[in-house]
Amino acid sequence: MAAAFIIAAVLALVVGAIASIVGGALGGVAVGGKAIGNELAATMGAFYGPLAAVAGLVIGLVVLALIH
């Protein structure tokens, strides 16, 4: 039972991190694509997007582990 929870938590962390990278890149292009170019905006968005998202994922997984 504990192994399944750990596998699910790691999978959720990986999927969430990938989604935050993609979302950050798309958000960067939408916000700053015209000003600094689409490629640079996507790169910066993909770099800075996961900063808050991964922290939120980790906190959420810790809370889930505590109430599980």
PDB file of N, CA and C in Angstrom:
ATOM      1  N   MET A   1       0.827  -1.197   0.000  1.00  0.00           N
ATOM      2  CA  MET A   1       0.000   0.000   0.000  1.00  0.00           C
ATOM      3  C   MET A   1       0.866   1.253   0.000  1.00  0.00           C
ATOM      4  N   ALA A   2       1.919   1.252   0.808  1.00  0.00           N
ATOM      5  CA  ALA A   2       2.793   2.423   0.878  1.00  0.00           C
ATOM      6  C   ALA A   2       3.569   2.603  -0.419  1.00  0.00           C
ATOM      7  N   ALA A   3       3.939   1.508  -1.060  1.00  0.00           N
ATOM      8  CA  ALA A   3       4.685   1.600  -2.316  1.00  0.00           C
ATOM      9  C   ALA A   3       3.822   2.220  -3.405  1.00  0.00           C
ATOM     10  N   ALA A   4       2.555   1.880  -3.428  1.00  0.00           N
ATOM     11  CA  ALA A   4       1.651   2.450  -4.431  1.00  0.00           C
ATOM     12  C   ALA A   4       1.479   3.946  -4.214  1.00  0.00           C
ATOM     13  N   PHE A   5       1.436   4.360  -2.946  1.00  0.00           N
ATOM     14  CA  PHE A   5       1.309   5.788  -2.647  1.00  0.00           C
ATOM     15  C   PHE A   5       2.557   6.547  -3.073  1.00  0.00           C
ATOM     16  N   ILE A   6       3.724   5.963  -2.841  1.00  0.00           N
ATOM     17  CA  ILE A   6       4.980   6.615  -3.231  1.00  0.00           C
ATOM     18  C   ILE A   6       5.081   6.723  -4.749  1.00  0.00           C
ATOM     19  N   ILE A   7       4.711   5.670  -5.449  1.00  0.00           N
ATOM     20  CA  ILE A   7       4.744   5.702  -6.913  1.00  0.00           C
ATOM     21  C   ILE A   7       3.771   6.750  -7.447  1.00  0.00           C
ATOM     22  N   ALA A   8       2.583   6.809  -6.876  1.00  0.00           N
ATOM     23  CA  ALA A   8       1.597   7.798  -7.309  1.00  0.00           C
ATOM     24  C   ALA A   8       2.068   9.218  -7.011  1.00  0.00           C
ATOM     25  N   ALA A   9       2.724   9.425  -5.875  1.00  0.00           N
ATOM     26  CA  ALA A   9       3.223  10.752  -5.514  1.00  0.00           C
ATOM     27  C   ALA A   9       4.338  11.194  -6.459  1.00  0.00           C
ATOM     28  N   VAL A  10       5.247  10.301  -6.779  1.00  0.00           N
ATOM     29  CA  VAL A  10       6.330  10.628  -7.712  1.00  0.00           C
ATOM     30  C   VAL A  10       5.767  10.899  -9.097  1.00  0.00           C
ATOM     31  N   LEU A  11       4.810  10.107  -9.524  1.00  0.00           N
ATOM     32  CA  LEU A  11       4.173  10.322 -10.824  1.00  0.00           C
ATOM     33  C   LEU A  11       3.448  11.666 -10.869  1.00  0.00           C
ATOM     34  N   ALA A  12       2.757  12.009  -9.787  1.00  0.00           N
ATOM     35  CA  ALA A  12       2.071  13.307  -9.723  1.00  0.00           C
ATOM     36  C   ALA A  12       3.066  14.451  -9.761  1.00  0.00           C
ATOM     37  N   LEU A  13       4.196  14.292  -9.099  1.00  0.00           N
ATOM     38  CA  LEU A  13       5.229  15.334  -9.104  1.00  0.00           C
ATOM     39  C   LEU A  13       5.818  15.514 -10.500  1.00  0.00           C
ATOM     40  N   VAL A  14       6.090  14.423 -11.183  1.00  0.00           N
ATOM     41  CA  VAL A  14       6.665  14.495 -12.528  1.00  0.00           C
ATOM     42  C   VAL A  14       5.674  15.106 -13.512  1.00  0.00           C
ATOM     43  N   VAL A  15       4.440  14.639 -13.477  1.00  0.00           N
ATOM     44  CA  VAL A  15       3.418  15.174 -14.394  1.00  0.00           C
ATOM     45  C   VAL A  15       3.155  16.652 -14.106  1.00  0.00           C
ATOM     46  N   GLY A  16       3.102  17.018 -12.839  1.00  0.00           N
ATOM     47  CA  GLY A  16       2.899  18.417 -12.474  1.00  0.00           C
ATOM     48  C   GLY A  16       4.053  19.300 -12.910  1.00  0.00           C
ATOM     49  N   ALA A  17       5.272  18.805 -12.775  1.00  0.00           N
ATOM     50  CA  ALA A  17       6.444  19.577 -13.201  1.00  0.00           C
ATOM     51  C   ALA A  17       6.444  19.772 -14.713  1.00  0.00           C
ATOM     52  N   ILE A  18       6.124  18.734 -15.448  1.00  0.00           N
ATOM     53  CA  ILE A  18       6.074  18.855 -16.910  1.00  0.00           C
ATOM     54  C   ILE A  18       4.965  19.816 -17.330  1.00  0.00           C
ATOM     55  N   ALA A  19       3.822  19.720 -16.690  1.00  0.00           N
ATOM     56  CA  ALA A  19       2.719  20.629 -17.010  1.00  0.00           C
ATOM     57  C   ALA A  19       3.078  22.071 -16.680  1.00  0.00           C
ATOM     58  N   SER A  20       3.809  22.295 -15.595  1.00  0.00           N
ATOM     59  CA  SER A  20       4.190  23.667 -15.256  1.00  0.00           C
ATOM     60  C   SER A  20       5.218  24.217 -16.224  1.00  0.00           C
ATOM     61  N   ILE A  21       6.090  23.376 -16.759  1.00  0.00           N
ATOM     62  CA  ILE A  21       7.058  23.821 -17.767  1.00  0.00           C
ATOM     63  C   ILE A  21       6.340  24.213 -19.048  1.00  0.00           C
ATOM     64  N   VAL A  22       5.427  23.377 -19.489  1.00  0.00           N
ATOM     65  CA  VAL A  22       4.669  23.677 -20.709  1.00  0.00           C
ATOM     66  C   VAL A  22       3.802  24.917 -20.515  1.00  0.00           C
ATOM     67  N   GLY A  23       3.136  25.006 -19.387  1.00  0.00           N
ATOM     68  CA  GLY A  23       2.304  26.177 -19.104  1.00  0.00           C
ATOM     69  C   GLY A  23       3.114  27.449 -18.989  1.00  0.00           C
ATOM     70  N   GLY A  24       4.292  27.361 -18.382  1.00  0.00           N
ATOM     71  CA  GLY A  24       5.157  28.522 -18.280  1.00  0.00           C
ATOM     72  C   GLY A  24       5.636  28.993 -19.641  1.00  0.00           C
ATOM     73  N   ALA A  25       5.980  28.051 -20.507  1.00  0.00           N
ATOM     74  CA  ALA A  25       6.425  28.412 -21.852  1.00  0.00           C
ATOM     75  C   ALA A  25       5.300  29.073 -22.644  1.00  0.00           C
ATOM     76  N   LEU A  26       4.107  28.516 -22.566  1.00  0.00           N
ATOM     77  CA  LEU A  26       2.974  29.110 -23.284  1.00  0.00           C
ATOM     78  C   LEU A  26       2.608  30.475 -22.711  1.00  0.00           C
ATOM     79  N   GLY A  27       2.656  30.599 -21.394  1.00  0.00           N
ATOM     80  CA  GLY A  27       2.379  31.884 -20.762  1.00  0.00           C
ATOM     81  C   GLY A  27       3.424  32.926 -21.108  1.00  0.00           C
ATOM     82  N   GLY A  28       4.674  32.516 -21.181  1.00  0.00           N
ATOM     83  CA  GLY A  28       5.738  33.436 -21.564  1.00  0.00           C
ATOM     84  C   GLY A  28       5.568  33.955 -22.967  1.00  0.00           C
ATOM     85  N   VAL A  29       5.189  33.077 -23.882  1.00  0.00           N
ATOM     86  CA  VAL A  29       4.955  33.507 -25.267  1.00  0.00           C
ATOM     87  C   VAL A  29       3.758  34.439 -25.336  1.00  0.00           C
ATOM     88  N   ALA A  30       2.709  34.133 -24.590  1.00  0.00           N
ATOM     89  CA  ALA A  30       1.506  34.969 -24.623  1.00  0.00           C
ATOM     90  C   ALA A  30       1.767  36.350 -24.047  1.00  0.00           C
ATOM     91  N   VAL A  31       2.568  36.419 -22.995  1.00  0.00           N
ATOM     92  CA  VAL A  31       2.793  37.698 -22.324  1.00  0.00           C
ATOM     93  C   VAL A  31       3.903  38.505 -22.992  1.00  0.00           C
ATOM     94  N   GLY A  32       5.034  37.871 -23.296  1.00  0.00           N
ATOM     95  CA  GLY A  32       6.181  38.642 -23.763  1.00  0.00           C
ATOM     96  C   GLY A  32       6.686  38.284 -25.136  1.00  0.00           C
ATOM     97  N   GLY A  33       5.905  37.542 -25.902  1.00  0.00           N
ATOM     98  CA  GLY A  33       6.364  37.092 -27.211  1.00  0.00           C
ATOM     99  C   GLY A  33       6.701  38.220 -28.168  1.00  0.00           C
ATOM    100  N   LYS A  34       5.868  39.233 -28.218  1.00  0.00           N
ATOM    101  CA  LYS A  34       6.119  40.339 -29.143  1.00  0.00           C
ATOM    102  C   LYS A  34       7.274  41.214 -28.682  1.00  0.00           C
ATOM    103  N   ALA A  35       7.418  41.377 -27.383  1.00  0.00           N
ATOM    104  CA  ALA A  35       8.424  42.301 -26.852  1.00  0.00           C
ATOM    105  C   ALA A  35       9.840  41.739 -26.961  1.00  0.00           C
ATOM    106  N   ILE A  36      10.033  40.476 -26.599  1.00  0.00           N
ATOM    107  CA  ILE A  36      11.391  39.935 -26.571  1.00  0.00           C
ATOM    108  C   ILE A  36      11.597  38.755 -27.518  1.00  0.00           C
ATOM    109  N   GLY A  37      10.588  38.384 -28.258  1.00  0.00           N
ATOM    110  CA  GLY A  37      10.693  37.257 -29.178  1.00  0.00           C
ATOM    111  C   GLY A  37      10.111  35.998 -28.553  1.00  0.00           C
ATOM    112  N   ASN A  38       9.502  35.205 -29.393  1.00  0.00           N
ATOM    113  CA  ASN A  38       8.809  34.012 -28.905  1.00  0.00           C
ATOM    114  C   ASN A  38       9.751  32.990 -28.268  1.00  0.00           C
ATOM    115  N   GLU A  39      10.925  32.787 -28.873  1.00  0.00           N
ATOM    116  CA  GLU A  39      11.835  31.770 -28.348  1.00  0.00           C
ATOM    117  C   GLU A  39      12.368  32.136 -26.964  1.00  0.00           C
ATOM    118  N   LEU A  40      12.785  33.391 -26.796  1.00  0.00           N
ATOM    119  CA  LEU A  40      13.297  33.811 -25.489  1.00  0.00           C
ATOM    120  C   LEU A  40      12.185  33.822 -24.449  1.00  0.00           C
ATOM    121  N   ALA A  41      11.003  34.270 -24.837  1.00  0.00           N
ATOM    122  CA  ALA A  41       9.880  34.294 -23.903  1.00  0.00           C
ATOM    123  C   ALA A  41       9.502  32.877 -23.481  1.00  0.00           C
ATOM    124  N   ALA A  42       9.521  31.936 -24.417  1.00  0.00           N
ATOM    125  CA  ALA A  42       9.204  30.546 -24.084  1.00  0.00           C
ATOM    126  C   ALA A  42      10.265  29.943 -23.172  1.00  0.00           C
ATOM    127  N   THR A  43      11.519  30.246 -23.435  1.00  0.00           N
ATOM    128  CA  THR A  43      12.598  29.730 -22.603  1.00  0.00           C
ATOM    129  C   THR A  43      12.506  30.273 -21.180  1.00  0.00           C
ATOM    130  N   MET A  44      12.284  31.573 -21.070  1.00  0.00           N
ATOM    131  CA  MET A  44      12.167  32.175 -19.745  1.00  0.00           C
ATOM    132  C   MET A  44      10.934  31.665 -19.010  1.00  0.00           C
ATOM    133  N   GLY A  45       9.827  31.516 -19.720  1.00  0.00           N
ATOM    134  CA  GLY A  45       8.620  30.994 -19.101  1.00  0.00           C
ATOM    135  C   GLY A  45       8.785  29.559 -18.632  1.00  0.00           C
ATOM    136  N   ALA A  46       9.471  28.739 -19.444  1.00  0.00           N
ATOM    137  CA  ALA A  46       9.696  27.350 -19.064  1.00  0.00           C
ATOM    138  C   ALA A  46      10.645  27.253 -17.873  1.00  0.00           C
ATOM    139  N   PHE A  47      11.529  28.245 -17.725  1.00  0.00           N
ATOM    140  CA  PHE A  47      12.454  28.233 -16.588  1.00  0.00           C
ATOM    141  C   PHE A  47      11.784  28.729 -15.313  1.00  0.00           C
ATOM    142  N   TYR A  48      11.047  29.822 -15.413  1.00  0.00           N
ATOM    143  CA  TYR A  48      10.456  30.429 -14.229  1.00  0.00           C
ATOM    144  C   TYR A  48       9.075  29.874 -13.879  1.00  0.00           C
ATOM    145  N   GLY A  49       8.401  29.235 -14.791  1.00  0.00           N
ATOM    146  CA  GLY A  49       7.079  28.680 -14.525  1.00  0.00           C
ATOM    147  C   GLY A  49       7.047  27.672 -13.395  1.00  0.00           C
ATOM    148  N   PRO A  50       7.981  26.719 -13.383  1.00  0.00           N
ATOM    149  CA  PRO A  50       7.952  25.690 -12.336  1.00  0.00           C
ATOM    150  C   PRO A  50       8.350  26.170 -10.941  1.00  0.00           C
ATOM    151  N   LEU A  51       8.881  27.368 -10.806  1.00  0.00           N
ATOM    152  CA  LEU A  51       9.333  27.812  -9.483  1.00  0.00           C
ATOM    153  C   LEU A  51       8.221  27.719  -8.442  1.00  0.00           C
ATOM    154  N   ALA A  52       7.090  28.287  -8.733  1.00  0.00           N
ATOM    155  CA  ALA A  52       5.980  28.244  -7.778  1.00  0.00           C
ATOM    156  C   ALA A  52       5.203  26.935  -7.884  1.00  0.00           C
ATOM    157  N   ALA A  53       5.103  26.395  -9.074  1.00  0.00           N
ATOM    158  CA  ALA A  53       4.288  25.195  -9.254  1.00  0.00           C
ATOM    159  C   ALA A  53       4.878  23.987  -8.540  1.00  0.00           C
ATOM    160  N   VAL A  54       6.167  23.787  -8.640  1.00  0.00           N
ATOM    161  CA  VAL A  54       6.782  22.628  -8.000  1.00  0.00           C
ATOM    162  C   VAL A  54       6.732  22.772  -6.478  1.00  0.00           C
ATOM    163  N   ALA A  55       6.920  23.982  -5.980  1.00  0.00           N
ATOM    164  CA  ALA A  55       6.790  24.194  -4.538  1.00  0.00           C
ATOM    165  C   ALA A  55       5.371  23.863  -4.071  1.00  0.00           C
ATOM    166  N   GLY A  56       4.382  24.285  -4.829  1.00  0.00           N
ATOM    167  CA  GLY A  56       2.999  23.968  -4.497  1.00  0.00           C
ATOM    168  C   GLY A  56       2.723  22.475  -4.573  1.00  0.00           C
ATOM    169  N   LEU A  57       3.296  21.815  -5.556  1.00  0.00           N
ATOM    170  CA  LEU A  57       3.132  20.362  -5.668  1.00  0.00           C
ATOM    171  C   LEU A  57       3.731  19.644  -4.465  1.00  0.00           C
ATOM    172  N   VAL A  58       4.908  20.055  -4.068  1.00  0.00           N
ATOM    173  CA  VAL A  58       5.562  19.402  -2.928  1.00  0.00           C
ATOM    174  C   VAL A  58       4.754  19.619  -1.656  1.00  0.00           C
ATOM    175  N   ILE A  59       4.299  20.836  -1.433  1.00  0.00           N
ATOM    176  CA  ILE A  59       3.484  21.119  -0.245  1.00  0.00           C
ATOM    177  C   ILE A  59       2.196  20.300  -0.277  1.00  0.00           C
ATOM    178  N   GLY A  60       1.559  20.241  -1.433  1.00  0.00           N
ATOM    179  CA  GLY A  60       0.331  19.456  -1.562  1.00  0.00           C
ATOM    180  C   GLY A  60       0.558  17.977  -1.323  1.00  0.00           C
ATOM    181  N   LEU A  61       1.669  17.443  -1.812  1.00  0.00           N
ATOM    182  CA  LEU A  61       1.958  16.031  -1.585  1.00  0.00           C
ATOM    183  C   LEU A  61       2.287  15.751  -0.121  1.00  0.00           C
ATOM    184  N   VAL A  62       2.967  16.672   0.543  1.00  0.00           N
ATOM    185  CA  VAL A  62       3.254  16.496   1.970  1.00  0.00           C
ATOM    186  C   VAL A  62       1.949  16.493   2.773  1.00  0.00           C
ATOM    187  N   VAL A  63       1.061  17.425   2.466  1.00  0.00           N
ATOM    188  CA  VAL A  63      -0.229  17.471   3.165  1.00  0.00           C
ATOM    189  C   VAL A  63      -1.025  16.195   2.891  1.00  0.00           C
ATOM    190  N   LEU A  64      -1.001  15.744   1.651  1.00  0.00           N
ATOM    191  CA  LEU A  64      -1.710  14.509   1.310  1.00  0.00           C
ATOM    192  C   LEU A  64      -1.127  13.321   2.066  1.00  0.00           C
ATOM    193  N   ALA A  65       0.203  13.274   2.195  1.00  0.00           N
ATOM    194  CA  ALA A  65       0.837  12.187   2.925  1.00  0.00           C
ATOM    195  C   ALA A  65       0.472  12.231   4.411  1.00  0.00           C
ATOM    196  N   LEU A  66       0.337  13.434   4.955  1.00  0.00           N
ATOM    197  CA  LEU A  66      -0.006  13.548   6.368  1.00  0.00           C
ATOM    198  C   LEU A  66      -1.439  13.136   6.668  1.00  0.00           C
ATOM    199  N   ILE A  67      -2.350  13.372   5.736  1.00  0.00           N
ATOM    200  CA  ILE A  67      -3.747  13.014   5.986  1.00  0.00           C
ATOM    201  C   ILE A  67      -4.087  11.621   5.476  1.00  0.00           C
ATOM    202  N   HIS A  68      -3.164  11.016   4.759  1.00  0.00           N
ATOM    203  CA  HIS A  68      -3.403   9.687   4.197  1.00  0.00           C
ATOM    204  C   HIS A  68      -3.329   8.660   5.244  1.00  0.00           C
TER     205      HIS A  68
END
